[in-house]
Amino acid sequence: MALALLRRRWLKSPSAEAADLALPLPAGAGAVAREVVDPMGSPLAAADVTVTALDTHRVATRGTTDPYGYFLAALPPGRYSLIISAEGLRPHRETIETGPGASTATERVWLQPAEALQLPTPGTWLFDPPHTAIRFIAKHVGMAHVHGRFERFQGGIQVAPDMADSRVHVRIDASSITTGNTTRDNHLRSADFLDVEHFPYIDFTSTRFAYRGGTKWTLQGSLTMHGVSRSVALDTTYLGTVNGGYGQELRCAALATAELHREDYTLNWRSMLARGIAVVGPTVQLELDVQAMYRTHDTPTPPE
């Protein structure tokens, strides 16, 4: 309802460009508003927008620009990472801060043609946990979506001279799952779901990188969870390489997504429904927002 009110007020504005929006926000909320255009200055519809809370690494909102290139959302006060991307164009990243009831300037974002991004230097790149997030979204049976993440993990990328021959390994501590609800988290760790006592780790090991054009790759590999291994394909967007961090380390970044089916891993949701247990639905959307730091030319050894 709040977003609908925001959109109606937006569309009534004779010119949203560089305007301050006096919007009817929910009590205590702030807002983010962007107009996204292509290199020619034309409105860019269906550009992907992701807003992530910097304190929790949790996705606050996700959506696409409307036919006129606009994106507008109400947010709790705080600091966020905003990413806007479209196929064939360079992603836009910025940090934003919202405050309760603050007037929000509608800023124009020009997405420029994607340059041929320099691929990571061959060698070992290790995940940087403070700047990496492993998140998931699951449909709560008959209710809203459940958002969660894994808080403990390690991994790395062994980049080969030919990127297609590169390898990735990720190990997740299954007991570190959190959804913000202690009772639900304990149940997810139990034998009904992940059974972390007998299967303490979730492992992903890649088999090949397949280039799809632009900044897009498909990362093929095997995911082992609950004692079962299945082939999965991660849709991956390469975000580039920069010198960053306190020590000006060489870093690369990527965003990868996949859809998992819980029954593939013997997490039988139908039997649980029959017993009156309704926690999450049959499919889970997985997202890895990764930053990795360049270390050595040595091959990373998977954790034992």
Protein backbone atom coordinates (compact mmCIF):
# COMPACT_ATOMS: atom_id res chain seq x y z
CA MET A 1 0.00 0.00 0.00
CA ALA A 2 2.80 2.42 0.90
CA LEU A 3 4.64 1.75 -2.36
CA ALA A 4 1.42 2.26 -4.34
CA LEU A 5 0.92 5.65 -2.68
CA LEU A 6 4.52 6.58 -3.45
CA ARG A 7 4.11 5.61 -7.09
CA ARG A 8 0.84 7.56 -7.50
CA ARG A 9 2.43 10.68 -6.04
CA TRP A 10 5.51 10.14 -8.27
CA LEU A 11 3.44 9.93 -11.45
CA LYS A 12 1.55 13.12 -10.58
CA SER A 13 4.81 15.05 -10.48
CA PRO A 14 5.24 17.12 -13.68
CA SER A 15 9.00 16.50 -13.60
CA ALA A 16 10.68 14.00 -11.34
CA GLU A 17 14.18 14.81 -12.57
CA ALA A 18 16.37 16.31 -9.83
CA ALA A 19 13.27 16.98 -7.74
CA ASP A 20 12.84 16.62 -4.01
CA LEU A 21 9.95 14.29 -3.36
CA ALA A 22 7.58 15.18 -0.54
CA LEU A 23 6.13 11.69 -0.26
CA PRO A 24 3.65 10.15 2.18
CA LEU A 25 6.02 7.66 3.81
CA PRO A 26 5.17 5.16 6.55
CA ALA A 27 5.99 6.43 10.02
CA GLY A 28 9.75 6.40 10.60
CA ALA A 29 10.61 5.37 7.02
CA GLY A 30 12.87 6.92 4.42
CA ALA A 31 12.95 6.41 0.66
CA VAL A 32 15.22 5.91 -2.31
CA ALA A 33 14.29 7.23 -5.76
CA ARG A 34 16.24 6.87 -9.00
CA GLU A 35 15.64 7.63 -12.66
CA VAL A 36 17.70 5.25 -14.80
CA VAL A 37 18.62 6.11 -18.39
CA ASP A 38 20.71 4.45 -21.09
CA PRO A 39 23.85 5.96 -22.69
CA MET A 40 21.64 8.05 -25.02
CA GLY A 41 19.63 9.46 -22.12
CA SER A 42 16.51 7.45 -22.90
CA PRO A 43 14.49 5.86 -20.07
CA LEU A 44 15.76 2.37 -19.28
CA ALA A 45 12.92 0.00 -18.41
CA ALA A 46 13.37 -3.32 -16.60
CA ALA A 47 16.82 -2.50 -15.21
CA ASP A 48 17.51 -4.68 -12.15
CA VAL A 49 17.74 -2.85 -8.82
CA THR A 50 18.95 -4.46 -5.58
CA VAL A 51 19.12 -2.63 -2.24
CA THR A 52 21.05 -4.42 0.52
CA ALA A 53 21.33 -3.36 4.18
CA LEU A 54 25.01 -2.85 4.99
CA ASP A 55 24.67 -3.79 8.66
CA THR A 56 23.13 -7.24 8.01
CA HIS A 57 24.00 -7.91 4.34
CA ARG A 58 20.31 -8.69 3.92
CA VAL A 59 18.42 -7.68 0.79
CA ALA A 60 16.04 -4.89 1.79
CA THR A 61 14.24 -4.70 -1.55
CA ARG A 62 14.69 -5.90 -5.10
CA GLY A 63 12.88 -4.92 -8.27
CA THR A 64 13.08 -3.40 -11.73
CA THR A 65 12.62 0.07 -13.16
CA ASP A 66 9.20 0.90 -14.61
CA PRO A 67 8.61 1.70 -18.34
CA TYR A 68 9.81 5.27 -17.70
CA GLY A 69 13.04 4.17 -16.03
CA TYR A 70 11.98 5.00 -12.48
CA PHE A 71 12.54 3.03 -9.29
CA LEU A 72 11.10 4.07 -5.94
CA ALA A 73 11.00 2.26 -2.59
CA ALA A 74 10.37 3.02 1.08
CA LEU A 75 13.10 1.83 3.47
CA PRO A 76 13.74 1.78 7.20
CA PRO A 77 16.41 4.30 8.27
CA GLY A 78 19.92 3.00 7.70
CA ARG A 79 22.84 2.59 5.28
CA TYR A 80 22.37 0.54 2.13
CA SER A 81 24.23 -0.67 -0.94
CA LEU A 82 22.34 0.13 -4.16
CA ILE A 83 23.15 -1.81 -7.35
CA ILE A 84 21.51 -1.06 -10.72
CA SER A 85 22.32 -3.30 -13.68
CA ALA A 86 21.14 -4.06 -17.20
CA GLU A 87 22.45 -6.43 -19.84
CA GLY A 88 25.28 -4.95 -21.90
CA LEU A 89 25.71 -1.93 -19.60
CA ARG A 90 28.11 -1.20 -16.78
CA PRO A 91 26.53 -1.83 -13.33
CA HIS A 92 26.03 1.21 -11.08
CA ARG A 93 26.95 0.86 -7.39
CA GLU A 94 26.53 3.39 -4.61
CA THR A 95 26.05 3.61 -0.87
CA ILE A 96 22.92 5.43 0.30
CA GLU A 97 21.65 6.49 3.69
CA THR A 98 18.00 6.99 4.56
CA GLY A 99 16.47 8.81 7.51
CA PRO A 100 12.93 8.97 8.89
CA GLY A 101 10.71 11.28 6.89
CA ALA A 102 13.64 12.80 5.00
CA SER A 103 13.02 14.45 1.64
CA THR A 104 14.53 12.27 -1.07
CA ALA A 105 16.15 13.73 -4.18
CA THR A 106 15.35 11.86 -7.37
CA GLU A 107 18.76 11.29 -8.86
CA ARG A 108 19.38 10.34 -12.47
CA VAL A 109 21.66 7.36 -13.07
CA TRP A 110 23.30 6.99 -16.48
CA LEU A 111 24.28 3.41 -17.27
CA GLN A 112 27.23 3.38 -19.64
CA PRO A 113 28.21 0.69 -22.16
CA ALA A 114 29.94 -2.21 -20.49
CA GLU A 115 33.62 -2.23 -21.18
CA ALA A 116 35.45 -5.48 -21.66
CA LEU A 117 36.09 -6.05 -17.97
CA GLN A 118 39.57 -7.23 -17.14
CA LEU A 119 39.32 -10.77 -15.86
CA PRO A 120 40.92 -11.58 -12.51
CA THR A 121 44.66 -12.22 -12.45
CA PRO A 122 45.43 -15.95 -12.59
CA GLY A 123 46.09 -17.31 -9.11
CA THR A 124 44.24 -17.82 -5.84
CA TRP A 125 41.46 -15.49 -4.71
CA LEU A 126 40.01 -16.06 -1.22
CA PHE A 127 36.53 -14.97 -0.17
CA ASP A 128 36.44 -11.96 2.15
CA PRO A 129 33.68 -12.86 4.67
CA PRO A 130 32.95 -9.29 5.86
CA HIS A 131 32.20 -8.30 2.26
CA THR A 132 30.59 -11.55 1.10
CA ALA A 133 27.04 -12.72 1.74
CA ILE A 134 25.36 -16.08 1.13
CA ARG A 135 21.60 -15.49 1.21
CA PHE A 136 18.46 -17.43 0.39
CA ILE A 137 14.77 -16.72 -0.09
CA ALA A 138 12.16 -19.43 0.44
CA LYS A 139 8.39 -19.32 0.18
CA HIS A 140 6.76 -19.92 3.55
CA VAL A 141 3.94 -22.36 2.85
CA GLY A 142 0.75 -20.29 2.55
CA MET A 143 2.46 -17.12 3.77
CA ALA A 144 5.15 -14.57 2.86
CA HIS A 145 8.73 -15.22 1.84
CA VAL A 146 11.35 -16.26 4.38
CA HIS A 147 14.71 -14.48 4.01
CA GLY A 148 17.82 -15.98 5.52
CA ARG A 149 21.57 -16.28 5.27
CA PHE A 150 24.52 -18.37 6.35
CA GLU A 151 26.90 -16.51 8.64
CA ARG A 152 29.96 -18.80 8.53
CA PHE A 153 31.61 -19.99 5.35
CA GLN A 154 34.93 -20.09 3.53
CA GLY A 155 35.96 -20.49 -0.05
CA GLY A 156 38.07 -19.36 -2.92
CA ILE A 157 38.54 -19.14 -6.66
CA GLN A 158 41.50 -20.61 -8.47
CA VAL A 159 41.66 -18.47 -11.61
CA ALA A 160 43.31 -20.19 -14.58
CA PRO A 161 44.92 -18.42 -17.56
CA ASP A 162 41.86 -19.62 -19.52
CA MET A 163 38.90 -18.50 -17.37
CA ALA A 164 36.84 -21.49 -18.52
CA ASP A 165 39.29 -23.76 -16.68
CA SER A 166 39.00 -21.87 -13.36
CA ARG A 167 37.67 -23.55 -10.24
CA VAL A 168 35.60 -22.50 -7.23
CA HIS A 169 35.10 -24.18 -3.87
CA VAL A 170 32.75 -22.99 -1.14
CA ARG A 171 32.19 -24.62 2.24
CA ILE A 172 29.26 -23.41 4.37
CA ASP A 173 28.76 -24.18 8.06
CA ALA A 174 25.17 -25.46 7.93
CA SER A 175 24.59 -24.64 11.61
CA SER A 176 25.17 -20.94 10.88
CA ILE A 177 21.80 -20.64 9.13
CA THR A 178 19.73 -17.72 10.40
CA THR A 179 16.33 -16.32 9.43
CA GLY A 180 15.79 -13.97 12.36
CA ASN A 181 13.55 -16.44 14.21
CA THR A 182 15.26 -18.66 16.81
CA THR A 183 12.54 -21.34 16.86
CA ARG A 184 12.54 -21.63 13.07
CA ASP A 185 16.35 -21.61 12.91
CA ASN A 186 16.60 -24.45 15.41
CA HIS A 187 14.05 -26.41 13.40
CA LEU A 188 15.99 -25.82 10.16
CA ARG A 189 19.09 -27.21 11.89
CA SER A 190 17.21 -30.29 13.10
CA ALA A 191 16.86 -33.71 11.47
CA ASP A 192 13.67 -32.48 9.73
CA PHE A 193 15.77 -30.26 7.49
CA LEU A 194 19.56 -29.79 7.35
CA ASP A 195 20.36 -32.27 10.14
CA VAL A 196 23.53 -30.38 10.99
CA GLU A 197 24.61 -32.98 13.57
CA HIS A 198 25.16 -35.56 10.81
CA PHE A 199 25.77 -33.20 7.87
CA PRO A 200 27.64 -30.19 9.28
CA TYR A 201 28.70 -28.69 5.93
CA ILE A 202 27.20 -27.61 2.62
CA ASP A 203 29.81 -27.77 -0.17
CA PHE A 204 29.88 -26.39 -3.69
CA THR A 205 32.65 -27.40 -6.09
CA SER A 206 32.66 -26.03 -9.63
CA THR A 207 33.28 -28.11 -12.74
CA ARG A 208 33.46 -25.40 -15.42
CA PHE A 209 32.87 -21.74 -16.29
CA ALA A 210 30.75 -21.09 -19.40
CA TYR A 211 30.84 -17.59 -20.93
CA ARG A 212 27.44 -16.19 -21.93
CA GLY A 213 28.47 -12.76 -23.22
CA GLY A 214 28.93 -9.32 -21.68
CA THR A 215 29.49 -9.76 -17.95
CA LYS A 216 27.47 -12.99 -17.75
CA TRP A 217 28.81 -16.46 -16.98
CA THR A 218 27.25 -19.77 -16.01
CA LEU A 219 29.14 -21.58 -13.27
CA GLN A 220 28.49 -25.32 -13.44
CA GLY A 221 29.21 -27.42 -10.39
CA SER A 222 28.13 -29.89 -7.74
CA LEU A 223 26.31 -28.90 -4.55
CA THR A 224 26.43 -31.35 -1.64
CA MET A 225 23.86 -30.84 1.10
CA HIS A 226 22.24 -33.23 3.58
CA GLY A 227 24.54 -35.99 2.30
CA VAL A 228 23.31 -35.66 -1.31
CA SER A 229 25.20 -34.20 -4.29
CA ARG A 230 23.42 -32.62 -7.26
CA SER A 231 24.56 -30.68 -10.31
CA VAL A 232 23.63 -26.99 -10.22
CA ALA A 233 24.18 -23.99 -12.49
CA LEU A 234 24.85 -20.58 -10.97
CA ASP A 235 23.86 -17.59 -13.13
CA THR A 236 26.81 -15.31 -12.48
CA THR A 237 27.42 -11.61 -13.15
CA TYR A 238 31.07 -10.56 -12.99
CA LEU A 239 31.36 -7.08 -11.44
CA GLY A 240 35.04 -6.44 -12.11
CA THR A 241 38.36 -6.09 -10.31
CA VAL A 242 39.50 -3.11 -8.22
CA ASN A 243 42.08 -2.12 -5.64
CA GLY A 244 40.10 -1.60 -2.45
CA GLY A 245 39.88 -2.15 1.30
CA TYR A 246 42.03 -0.74 4.07
CA GLY A 247 45.15 -2.38 2.68
CA GLN A 248 44.25 -1.57 -0.94
CA GLU A 249 44.04 -5.28 -1.71
CA LEU A 250 43.31 -6.42 -5.24
CA ARG A 251 39.69 -7.59 -5.19
CA CYS A 252 37.22 -9.09 -7.62
CA ALA A 253 33.45 -9.21 -7.21
CA ALA A 254 30.57 -11.26 -8.60
CA LEU A 255 26.89 -11.94 -7.98
CA ALA A 256 25.58 -15.50 -8.51
CA THR A 257 22.06 -16.92 -8.21
CA ALA A 258 20.44 -20.34 -8.48
CA GLU A 259 17.15 -22.08 -7.72
CA LEU A 260 17.31 -25.22 -5.57
CA HIS A 261 14.63 -27.85 -5.09
CA ARG A 262 14.62 -29.18 -1.54
CA GLU A 263 13.38 -32.64 -2.53
CA ASP A 264 16.56 -33.08 -4.61
CA TYR A 265 18.42 -33.19 -1.30
CA THR A 266 15.96 -35.54 0.47
CA LEU A 267 14.49 -32.60 2.40
CA ASN A 268 10.99 -33.95 1.93
CA TRP A 269 8.60 -31.06 2.44
CA ARG A 270 5.54 -33.16 1.53
CA SER A 271 6.07 -35.56 4.44
CA MET A 272 6.50 -32.61 6.77
CA LEU A 273 3.26 -31.06 5.54
CA ALA A 274 1.50 -34.34 6.24
CA ARG A 275 2.78 -34.11 9.81
CA GLY A 276 1.52 -30.56 10.14
CA ILE A 277 4.95 -28.94 9.77
CA ALA A 278 4.94 -25.93 7.44
CA VAL A 279 8.16 -23.96 7.45
CA VAL A 280 9.35 -23.26 3.90
CA GLY A 281 8.17 -24.35 0.47
CA PRO A 282 9.74 -26.74 -2.06
CA THR A 283 12.04 -24.27 -3.84
CA VAL A 284 14.75 -21.99 -2.49
CA GLN A 285 16.39 -19.05 -4.30
CA LEU A 286 20.10 -18.91 -3.48
CA GLU A 287 22.24 -15.79 -3.92
CA LEU A 288 26.00 -15.37 -3.44
CA ASP A 289 27.26 -11.78 -3.31
CA VAL A 290 31.01 -12.35 -3.38
CA GLN A 291 34.13 -10.29 -2.95
CA ALA A 292 37.43 -12.17 -3.13
CA MET A 293 40.97 -10.99 -2.42
CA TYR A 294 44.00 -11.94 -4.47
CA ARG A 295 46.48 -13.94 -2.43
CA THR A 296 48.95 -16.25 -4.17
CA HIS A 297 49.45 -18.44 -7.20
CA ASP A 298 48.97 -21.53 -5.05
CA THR A 299 45.99 -23.81 -5.55
CA PRO A 300 43.50 -23.45 -2.67
CA THR A 301 43.07 -26.57 -0.60
CA PRO A 302 39.42 -27.37 0.17
CA PRO A 303 38.77 -27.28 3.94
CA GLU A 304 38.63 -30.64 5.66
